[in-house]
Amino acid sequence: MARQLKKFARLHTKQHPATKETVINLSNQKLDDAVYSLLQKGLNFAVTPHSTPIEDILTGVEEAVLPLPMEMANRPDKRP
């Protein structure tokens, strides 16, 4: 039983580290808990979209391929 408790404690600390980013409020505005939580996630945090913008991706690819000669546009292994 003690072995399982040690294993659980180790797993819990690995999955939920106690270290958090420090947030220093330099503004005169009061920040609520949601804002502090977001700021603690750091600068690498990004909200993922609910769906992949496939139409935008295809439009971008088509715009990039248009100025290429037909032989280059049809062959994905050739690059200018």
N, C-alpha and C. Protein backbone atom coordinates (compact mmCIF):
# COMPACT_ATOMS: atom_id res chain seq x y z
N MET A 1 0.82 -1.20 0.00
CA MET A 1 0.00 0.00 0.00
C MET A 1 0.86 1.26 0.00
N ALA A 2 1.93 1.28 0.79
CA ALA A 2 2.82 2.44 0.86
C ALA A 2 3.50 2.68 -0.48
N ARG A 3 3.83 1.60 -1.18
CA ARG A 3 4.46 1.72 -2.50
C ARG A 3 3.50 2.40 -3.48
N GLN A 4 2.24 2.03 -3.44
CA GLN A 4 1.24 2.64 -4.33
C GLN A 4 1.04 4.11 -4.01
N LEU A 5 1.07 4.47 -2.72
CA LEU A 5 0.91 5.87 -2.35
C LEU A 5 2.10 6.70 -2.83
N LYS A 6 3.31 6.16 -2.72
CA LYS A 6 4.49 6.87 -3.22
C LYS A 6 4.40 7.05 -4.74
N LYS A 7 3.96 5.99 -5.41
CA LYS A 7 3.82 6.06 -6.86
C LYS A 7 2.79 7.10 -7.26
N PHE A 8 1.66 7.13 -6.54
CA PHE A 8 0.63 8.12 -6.84
C PHE A 8 1.13 9.53 -6.57
N ALA A 9 1.83 9.74 -5.47
CA ALA A 9 2.35 11.07 -5.14
C ALA A 9 3.34 11.54 -6.20
N ARG A 10 4.20 10.65 -6.66
CA ARG A 10 5.17 11.01 -7.69
C ARG A 10 4.47 11.36 -9.00
N LEU A 11 3.48 10.56 -9.38
CA LEU A 11 2.72 10.83 -10.59
C LEU A 11 1.95 12.15 -10.49
N HIS A 12 1.37 12.40 -9.32
CA HIS A 12 0.61 13.63 -9.13
C HIS A 12 1.51 14.86 -9.23
N THR A 13 2.69 14.82 -8.63
CA THR A 13 3.59 15.97 -8.72
C THR A 13 4.13 16.15 -10.13
N LYS A 14 4.26 15.04 -10.87
CA LYS A 14 4.72 15.15 -12.26
C LYS A 14 3.65 15.77 -13.15
N GLN A 15 2.40 15.40 -12.94
CA GLN A 15 1.31 15.91 -13.76
C GLN A 15 0.85 17.30 -13.34
N HIS A 16 1.03 17.65 -12.07
CA HIS A 16 0.59 18.94 -11.55
C HIS A 16 1.75 19.62 -10.83
N PRO A 17 2.69 20.18 -11.59
CA PRO A 17 3.84 20.82 -10.93
C PRO A 17 3.41 22.03 -10.10
N ALA A 18 4.08 22.23 -8.99
CA ALA A 18 3.71 23.30 -8.07
C ALA A 18 4.24 24.65 -8.54
N THR A 19 5.26 24.66 -9.39
CA THR A 19 5.82 25.93 -9.83
C THR A 19 4.89 26.60 -10.83
N LYS A 20 4.64 27.86 -10.63
CA LYS A 20 3.79 28.63 -11.53
C LYS A 20 4.54 29.91 -11.90
N GLU A 21 4.19 30.44 -13.04
CA GLU A 21 4.77 31.70 -13.46
C GLU A 21 4.28 32.81 -12.54
N THR A 22 5.17 33.71 -12.22
CA THR A 22 4.81 34.85 -11.39
C THR A 22 4.22 35.94 -12.26
N VAL A 23 3.11 36.48 -11.83
CA VAL A 23 2.45 37.56 -12.56
C VAL A 23 2.58 38.82 -11.73
N ILE A 24 3.19 39.83 -12.33
CA ILE A 24 3.34 41.13 -11.66
C ILE A 24 2.48 42.14 -12.41
N ASN A 25 1.52 42.69 -11.73
CA ASN A 25 0.59 43.64 -12.33
C ASN A 25 1.21 45.03 -12.24
N LEU A 26 1.62 45.58 -13.39
CA LEU A 26 2.21 46.91 -13.43
C LEU A 26 1.19 47.98 -13.81
N SER A 27 -0.03 47.57 -14.06
CA SER A 27 -1.07 48.53 -14.43
C SER A 27 -1.85 48.96 -13.19
N ASN A 28 -2.69 49.94 -13.37
CA ASN A 28 -3.54 50.42 -12.28
C ASN A 28 -4.87 49.68 -12.23
N GLN A 29 -5.07 48.72 -13.14
CA GLN A 29 -6.33 47.99 -13.20
C GLN A 29 -6.27 46.74 -12.34
N LYS A 30 -7.41 46.41 -11.76
CA LYS A 30 -7.51 45.19 -10.96
C LYS A 30 -7.79 44.03 -11.90
N LEU A 31 -6.99 42.97 -11.78
CA LEU A 31 -7.14 41.81 -12.64
C LEU A 31 -7.89 40.71 -11.89
N ASP A 32 -8.83 40.08 -12.58
CA ASP A 32 -9.59 39.00 -11.93
C ASP A 32 -8.83 37.67 -12.05
N ASP A 33 -9.37 36.63 -11.46
CA ASP A 33 -8.70 35.34 -11.40
C ASP A 33 -8.49 34.72 -12.79
N ALA A 34 -9.43 34.94 -13.70
CA ALA A 34 -9.30 34.38 -15.05
C ALA A 34 -8.12 35.00 -15.78
N VAL A 35 -7.92 36.29 -15.61
CA VAL A 35 -6.80 36.98 -16.26
C VAL A 35 -5.48 36.51 -15.67
N TYR A 36 -5.41 36.38 -14.36
CA TYR A 36 -4.21 35.87 -13.72
C TYR A 36 -3.90 34.45 -14.20
N SER A 37 -4.92 33.62 -14.32
CA SER A 37 -4.73 32.26 -14.78
C SER A 37 -4.17 32.24 -16.20
N LEU A 38 -4.69 33.09 -17.05
CA LEU A 38 -4.21 33.18 -18.42
C LEU A 38 -2.78 33.67 -18.47
N LEU A 39 -2.45 34.69 -17.68
CA LEU A 39 -1.09 35.23 -17.67
C LEU A 39 -0.09 34.23 -17.11
N GLN A 40 -0.52 33.37 -16.20
CA GLN A 40 0.38 32.37 -15.63
C GLN A 40 0.77 31.31 -16.64
N LYS A 41 -0.02 31.14 -17.67
CA LYS A 41 0.29 30.14 -18.69
C LYS A 41 1.52 30.55 -19.50
N GLY A 42 1.84 31.82 -19.53
CA GLY A 42 3.05 32.28 -20.20
C GLY A 42 2.80 32.75 -21.62
N LEU A 43 3.89 33.18 -22.25
CA LEU A 43 3.80 33.74 -23.60
C LEU A 43 3.65 32.68 -24.68
N ASN A 44 3.95 31.42 -24.37
CA ASN A 44 3.81 30.37 -25.37
C ASN A 44 2.41 29.80 -25.45
N PHE A 45 1.50 30.30 -24.65
CA PHE A 45 0.13 29.80 -24.65
C PHE A 45 -0.62 30.38 -25.85
N ALA A 46 -1.32 29.51 -26.56
CA ALA A 46 -2.12 29.94 -27.70
C ALA A 46 -3.43 29.18 -27.69
N VAL A 47 -4.50 29.86 -27.96
CA VAL A 47 -5.81 29.24 -28.02
C VAL A 47 -5.93 28.51 -29.35
N THR A 48 -6.32 27.25 -29.32
CA THR A 48 -6.47 26.50 -30.56
C THR A 48 -7.87 26.70 -31.11
N PRO A 49 -7.99 26.79 -32.43
CA PRO A 49 -9.32 26.96 -33.01
C PRO A 49 -10.15 25.69 -32.85
N HIS A 50 -11.47 25.85 -32.84
CA HIS A 50 -12.36 24.71 -32.71
C HIS A 50 -12.33 23.83 -33.96
N SER A 51 -12.10 24.44 -35.10
CA SER A 51 -12.03 23.68 -36.35
C SER A 51 -10.87 24.22 -37.19
N THR A 52 -10.33 23.36 -38.04
CA THR A 52 -9.22 23.76 -38.90
C THR A 52 -9.76 24.58 -40.06
N PRO A 53 -9.17 25.76 -40.31
CA PRO A 53 -9.66 26.62 -41.41
C PRO A 53 -9.17 26.10 -42.77
N ILE A 54 -9.77 25.02 -43.23
CA ILE A 54 -9.32 24.36 -44.46
C ILE A 54 -9.44 25.28 -45.67
N GLU A 55 -10.52 26.03 -45.75
CA GLU A 55 -10.71 26.93 -46.89
C GLU A 55 -9.60 27.98 -46.95
N ASP A 56 -9.21 28.52 -45.81
CA ASP A 56 -8.14 29.52 -45.78
C ASP A 56 -6.81 28.91 -46.21
N ILE A 57 -6.55 27.68 -45.78
CA ILE A 57 -5.30 27.01 -46.14
C ILE A 57 -5.26 26.75 -47.65
N LEU A 58 -6.37 26.23 -48.19
CA LEU A 58 -6.41 25.95 -49.62
C LEU A 58 -6.29 27.22 -50.45
N THR A 59 -6.93 28.28 -50.01
CA THR A 59 -6.83 29.56 -50.72
C THR A 59 -5.39 30.05 -50.74
N GLY A 60 -4.70 29.92 -49.62
CA GLY A 60 -3.31 30.35 -49.55
C GLY A 60 -2.41 29.52 -50.46
N VAL A 61 -2.64 28.22 -50.51
CA VAL A 61 -1.85 27.36 -51.39
C VAL A 61 -2.12 27.71 -52.85
N GLU A 62 -3.38 27.92 -53.20
CA GLU A 62 -3.72 28.27 -54.59
C GLU A 62 -3.08 29.59 -54.99
N GLU A 63 -3.08 30.57 -54.10
CA GLU A 63 -2.45 31.86 -54.40
C GLU A 63 -0.94 31.72 -54.57
N ALA A 64 -0.33 30.81 -53.81
CA ALA A 64 1.11 30.61 -53.93
C ALA A 64 1.48 29.87 -55.21
N VAL A 65 0.59 29.02 -55.70
CA VAL A 65 0.88 28.21 -56.88
C VAL A 65 0.59 28.97 -58.18
N LEU A 66 -0.30 29.93 -58.15
CA LEU A 66 -0.69 30.64 -59.38
C LEU A 66 0.48 31.23 -60.16
N PRO A 67 1.43 31.91 -59.53
CA PRO A 67 2.50 32.51 -60.34
C PRO A 67 3.52 31.49 -60.88
N LEU A 68 3.47 30.25 -60.47
CA LEU A 68 4.42 29.24 -60.93
C LEU A 68 4.08 28.77 -62.33
N PRO A 69 5.08 28.33 -63.09
CA PRO A 69 4.79 27.70 -64.38
C PRO A 69 4.01 26.40 -64.15
N MET A 70 3.24 25.97 -65.11
CA MET A 70 2.35 24.81 -64.96
C MET A 70 3.13 23.56 -64.54
N GLU A 71 4.34 23.36 -65.09
CA GLU A 71 5.11 22.16 -64.75
C GLU A 71 5.50 22.17 -63.27
N MET A 72 5.85 23.33 -62.76
CA MET A 72 6.26 23.44 -61.35
C MET A 72 5.05 23.32 -60.42
N ALA A 73 3.92 23.84 -60.82
CA ALA A 73 2.73 23.82 -59.98
C ALA A 73 2.19 22.41 -59.80
N ASN A 74 2.34 21.56 -60.80
CA ASN A 74 1.81 20.20 -60.73
C ASN A 74 2.75 19.23 -60.04
N ARG A 75 4.00 19.59 -59.81
CA ARG A 75 4.97 18.66 -59.22
C ARG A 75 5.34 19.13 -57.82
N PRO A 76 4.88 18.43 -56.78
CA PRO A 76 5.18 18.85 -55.41
C PRO A 76 6.63 18.65 -55.03
N ASP A 77 7.38 17.79 -55.76
CA ASP A 77 8.78 17.55 -55.40
C ASP A 77 9.73 18.59 -55.99
N LYS A 78 9.29 19.41 -56.90
CA LYS A 78 10.13 20.45 -57.51
C LYS A 78 9.85 21.79 -56.85
N ARG A 79 10.93 22.50 -56.54
CA ARG A 79 10.79 23.84 -55.95
C ARG A 79 11.60 24.81 -56.77
N PRO A 80 11.17 26.06 -56.84
CA PRO A 80 11.93 27.05 -57.62
C PRO A 80 13.24 27.38 -56.95
